[in-house]
Amino acid sequence: MTGFHGFGATADSDPRTRFECRICWYVYDPAEGDTVWQIAPGTPFSQLPPHWTCPNCSATQDQFIVVPDE
């Protein structure tokens, strides 16, 4: 996946960037990974497998937007 709605090219994002589902507001945090999909901590959003979907609502990756740094 090279880009998605609301952000652009995921390869350009910082590996620590968090992404939020626009459907259910689940936040994918690379520092935590995803236990539902068995994604190891430290996995950037850009390196998620193509079949990965939101663990809460099954939204596809193109439904995620960047969470701004606080």
N, C-alpha and C. Protein backbone atom coordinates (compact mmCIF):
# COMPACT_ATOMS: atom_id res chain seq x y z
N MET A 1 0.85 -1.17 0.00
CA MET A 1 0.00 0.00 0.00
C MET A 1 0.89 1.23 0.00
N THR A 2 0.66 2.14 -0.91
CA THR A 2 1.51 3.32 -1.01
C THR A 2 0.85 4.58 -0.48
N GLY A 3 -0.46 4.61 -0.36
CA GLY A 3 -1.14 5.79 0.14
C GLY A 3 -2.55 5.47 0.55
N PHE A 4 -3.16 6.40 1.27
CA PHE A 4 -4.54 6.20 1.69
C PHE A 4 -5.17 7.54 1.98
N HIS A 5 -6.48 7.56 2.03
CA HIS A 5 -7.23 8.79 2.25
C HIS A 5 -6.83 9.44 3.57
N GLY A 6 -6.60 10.74 3.55
CA GLY A 6 -6.33 11.47 4.77
C GLY A 6 -4.87 11.61 5.12
N PHE A 7 -3.97 10.99 4.35
CA PHE A 7 -2.56 11.14 4.70
C PHE A 7 -1.64 11.19 3.50
N GLY A 8 -1.73 10.26 2.60
CA GLY A 8 -0.78 10.20 1.49
C GLY A 8 0.07 8.96 1.60
N ALA A 9 1.34 9.10 1.31
CA ALA A 9 2.25 7.95 1.29
C ALA A 9 2.64 7.54 2.70
N THR A 10 2.31 6.31 3.06
CA THR A 10 2.65 5.81 4.40
C THR A 10 4.15 5.63 4.55
N ALA A 11 4.86 5.41 3.45
CA ALA A 11 6.30 5.22 3.53
C ALA A 11 7.01 6.48 4.01
N ASP A 12 6.36 7.63 3.84
CA ASP A 12 6.95 8.91 4.26
C ASP A 12 6.74 9.19 5.74
N SER A 13 5.90 8.41 6.41
CA SER A 13 5.60 8.70 7.81
C SER A 13 6.69 8.18 8.73
N ASP A 14 6.81 8.83 9.87
CA ASP A 14 7.75 8.39 10.91
C ASP A 14 7.31 7.02 11.39
N PRO A 15 8.22 6.09 11.62
CA PRO A 15 7.84 4.73 12.06
C PRO A 15 7.07 4.72 13.38
N ARG A 16 7.16 5.79 14.15
CA ARG A 16 6.45 5.86 15.45
C ARG A 16 5.08 6.52 15.34
N THR A 17 4.71 6.96 14.15
CA THR A 17 3.44 7.65 13.95
C THR A 17 2.27 6.73 14.28
N ARG A 18 1.32 7.26 15.05
CA ARG A 18 0.10 6.52 15.38
C ARG A 18 -0.98 6.87 14.36
N PHE A 19 -1.85 5.89 14.08
CA PHE A 19 -2.93 6.07 13.11
C PHE A 19 -4.26 5.73 13.76
N GLU A 20 -5.29 6.51 13.41
CA GLU A 20 -6.61 6.34 14.01
C GLU A 20 -7.63 5.93 12.96
N CYS A 21 -8.46 4.96 13.31
CA CYS A 21 -9.54 4.51 12.43
C CYS A 21 -10.61 5.60 12.37
N ARG A 22 -11.00 5.97 11.16
CA ARG A 22 -12.04 6.99 11.00
C ARG A 22 -13.43 6.45 11.28
N ILE A 23 -13.57 5.15 11.42
CA ILE A 23 -14.87 4.54 11.66
C ILE A 23 -15.15 4.42 13.16
N CYS A 24 -14.21 3.81 13.90
CA CYS A 24 -14.47 3.53 15.33
C CYS A 24 -13.49 4.22 16.28
N TRP A 25 -12.54 4.96 15.73
CA TRP A 25 -11.55 5.73 16.51
C TRP A 25 -10.50 4.87 17.21
N TYR A 26 -10.37 3.60 16.84
CA TYR A 26 -9.28 2.76 17.35
C TYR A 26 -7.96 3.39 16.91
N VAL A 27 -6.98 3.41 17.80
CA VAL A 27 -5.67 3.96 17.46
C VAL A 27 -4.65 2.82 17.36
N TYR A 28 -4.03 2.71 16.17
CA TYR A 28 -2.92 1.77 16.03
C TYR A 28 -1.66 2.49 16.47
N ASP A 29 -1.02 1.97 17.52
CA ASP A 29 0.22 2.53 18.05
C ASP A 29 1.34 1.54 17.76
N PRO A 30 2.30 1.91 16.91
CA PRO A 30 3.40 0.99 16.59
C PRO A 30 4.15 0.49 17.82
N ALA A 31 4.23 1.29 18.86
CA ALA A 31 4.94 0.88 20.07
C ALA A 31 4.26 -0.31 20.74
N GLU A 32 2.95 -0.45 20.53
CA GLU A 32 2.19 -1.54 21.15
C GLU A 32 1.93 -2.70 20.19
N GLY A 33 1.91 -2.43 18.89
CA GLY A 33 1.55 -3.48 17.93
C GLY A 33 0.07 -3.78 18.02
N ASP A 34 -0.32 -5.00 17.69
CA ASP A 34 -1.73 -5.40 17.70
C ASP A 34 -1.81 -6.87 18.11
N THR A 35 -2.31 -7.11 19.31
CA THR A 35 -2.39 -8.49 19.80
C THR A 35 -3.44 -9.31 19.05
N VAL A 36 -4.50 -8.67 18.56
CA VAL A 36 -5.55 -9.38 17.83
C VAL A 36 -4.98 -10.01 16.56
N TRP A 37 -4.19 -9.25 15.82
CA TRP A 37 -3.60 -9.71 14.57
C TRP A 37 -2.19 -10.26 14.77
N GLN A 38 -1.73 -10.33 15.99
CA GLN A 38 -0.39 -10.82 16.33
C GLN A 38 0.69 -10.01 15.61
N ILE A 39 0.53 -8.69 15.65
CA ILE A 39 1.53 -7.77 15.10
C ILE A 39 2.46 -7.37 16.24
N ALA A 40 3.74 -7.59 16.06
CA ALA A 40 4.73 -7.34 17.11
C ALA A 40 4.86 -5.85 17.41
N PRO A 41 5.10 -5.52 18.69
CA PRO A 41 5.41 -4.12 19.02
C PRO A 41 6.60 -3.64 18.19
N GLY A 42 6.55 -2.38 17.79
CA GLY A 42 7.62 -1.82 16.98
C GLY A 42 7.35 -1.89 15.48
N THR A 43 6.18 -2.44 15.08
CA THR A 43 5.84 -2.54 13.66
C THR A 43 5.15 -1.26 13.19
N PRO A 44 5.79 -0.49 12.30
CA PRO A 44 5.16 0.74 11.79
C PRO A 44 3.92 0.41 10.96
N PHE A 45 3.00 1.37 10.89
CA PHE A 45 1.78 1.20 10.11
C PHE A 45 2.10 0.83 8.67
N SER A 46 3.15 1.42 8.11
CA SER A 46 3.52 1.17 6.71
C SER A 46 3.98 -0.27 6.47
N GLN A 47 4.29 -1.00 7.53
CA GLN A 47 4.76 -2.38 7.38
C GLN A 47 3.71 -3.41 7.81
N LEU A 48 2.49 -2.96 8.06
CA LEU A 48 1.42 -3.92 8.37
C LEU A 48 1.13 -4.75 7.12
N PRO A 49 0.74 -6.02 7.30
CA PRO A 49 0.42 -6.83 6.12
C PRO A 49 -0.79 -6.25 5.39
N PRO A 50 -0.87 -6.44 4.08
CA PRO A 50 -1.96 -5.86 3.29
C PRO A 50 -3.35 -6.29 3.76
N HIS A 51 -3.46 -7.47 4.35
CA HIS A 51 -4.77 -7.98 4.78
C HIS A 51 -5.16 -7.47 6.18
N TRP A 52 -4.29 -6.71 6.85
CA TRP A 52 -4.59 -6.21 8.19
C TRP A 52 -5.76 -5.23 8.12
N THR A 53 -6.69 -5.39 9.05
CA THR A 53 -7.81 -4.46 9.18
C THR A 53 -7.94 -4.05 10.64
N CYS A 54 -8.75 -3.05 10.89
CA CYS A 54 -8.97 -2.57 12.25
C CYS A 54 -9.47 -3.72 13.13
N PRO A 55 -8.83 -3.95 14.27
CA PRO A 55 -9.25 -5.06 15.12
C PRO A 55 -10.61 -4.83 15.79
N ASN A 56 -11.10 -3.59 15.79
CA ASN A 56 -12.41 -3.30 16.40
C ASN A 56 -13.56 -3.39 15.41
N CYS A 57 -13.37 -2.84 14.20
CA CYS A 57 -14.50 -2.74 13.28
C CYS A 57 -14.22 -3.31 11.89
N SER A 58 -13.03 -3.84 11.67
CA SER A 58 -12.62 -4.44 10.39
C SER A 58 -12.47 -3.43 9.25
N ALA A 59 -12.33 -2.15 9.57
CA ALA A 59 -12.09 -1.15 8.52
C ALA A 59 -10.74 -1.42 7.87
N THR A 60 -10.65 -1.14 6.59
CA THR A 60 -9.40 -1.34 5.86
C THR A 60 -8.41 -0.21 6.19
N GLN A 61 -7.16 -0.43 5.84
CA GLN A 61 -6.10 0.52 6.18
C GLN A 61 -6.32 1.91 5.58
N ASP A 62 -7.03 2.01 4.46
CA ASP A 62 -7.27 3.32 3.86
C ASP A 62 -8.25 4.17 4.66
N GLN A 63 -8.84 3.59 5.71
CA GLN A 63 -9.75 4.33 6.58
C GLN A 63 -9.04 4.91 7.80
N PHE A 64 -7.72 4.84 7.84
CA PHE A 64 -6.94 5.35 8.97
C PHE A 64 -6.31 6.69 8.62
N ILE A 65 -6.24 7.57 9.63
CA ILE A 65 -5.61 8.88 9.48
C ILE A 65 -4.54 9.05 10.56
N VAL A 66 -3.63 9.95 10.32
CA VAL A 66 -2.53 10.21 11.25
C VAL A 66 -3.06 10.86 12.53
N VAL A 67 -2.55 10.41 13.66
CA VAL A 67 -2.83 11.06 14.95
C VAL A 67 -1.71 12.08 15.15
N PRO A 68 -2.06 13.36 15.25
CA PRO A 68 -1.02 14.38 15.43
C PRO A 68 -0.26 14.18 16.74
N ASP A 69 1.02 14.53 16.72
CA ASP A 69 1.82 14.48 17.95
C ASP A 69 1.24 15.47 18.95
N GLU A 70 1.31 15.08 20.21
CA GLU A 70 0.77 15.95 21.26
C GLU A 70 1.76 16.99 21.68
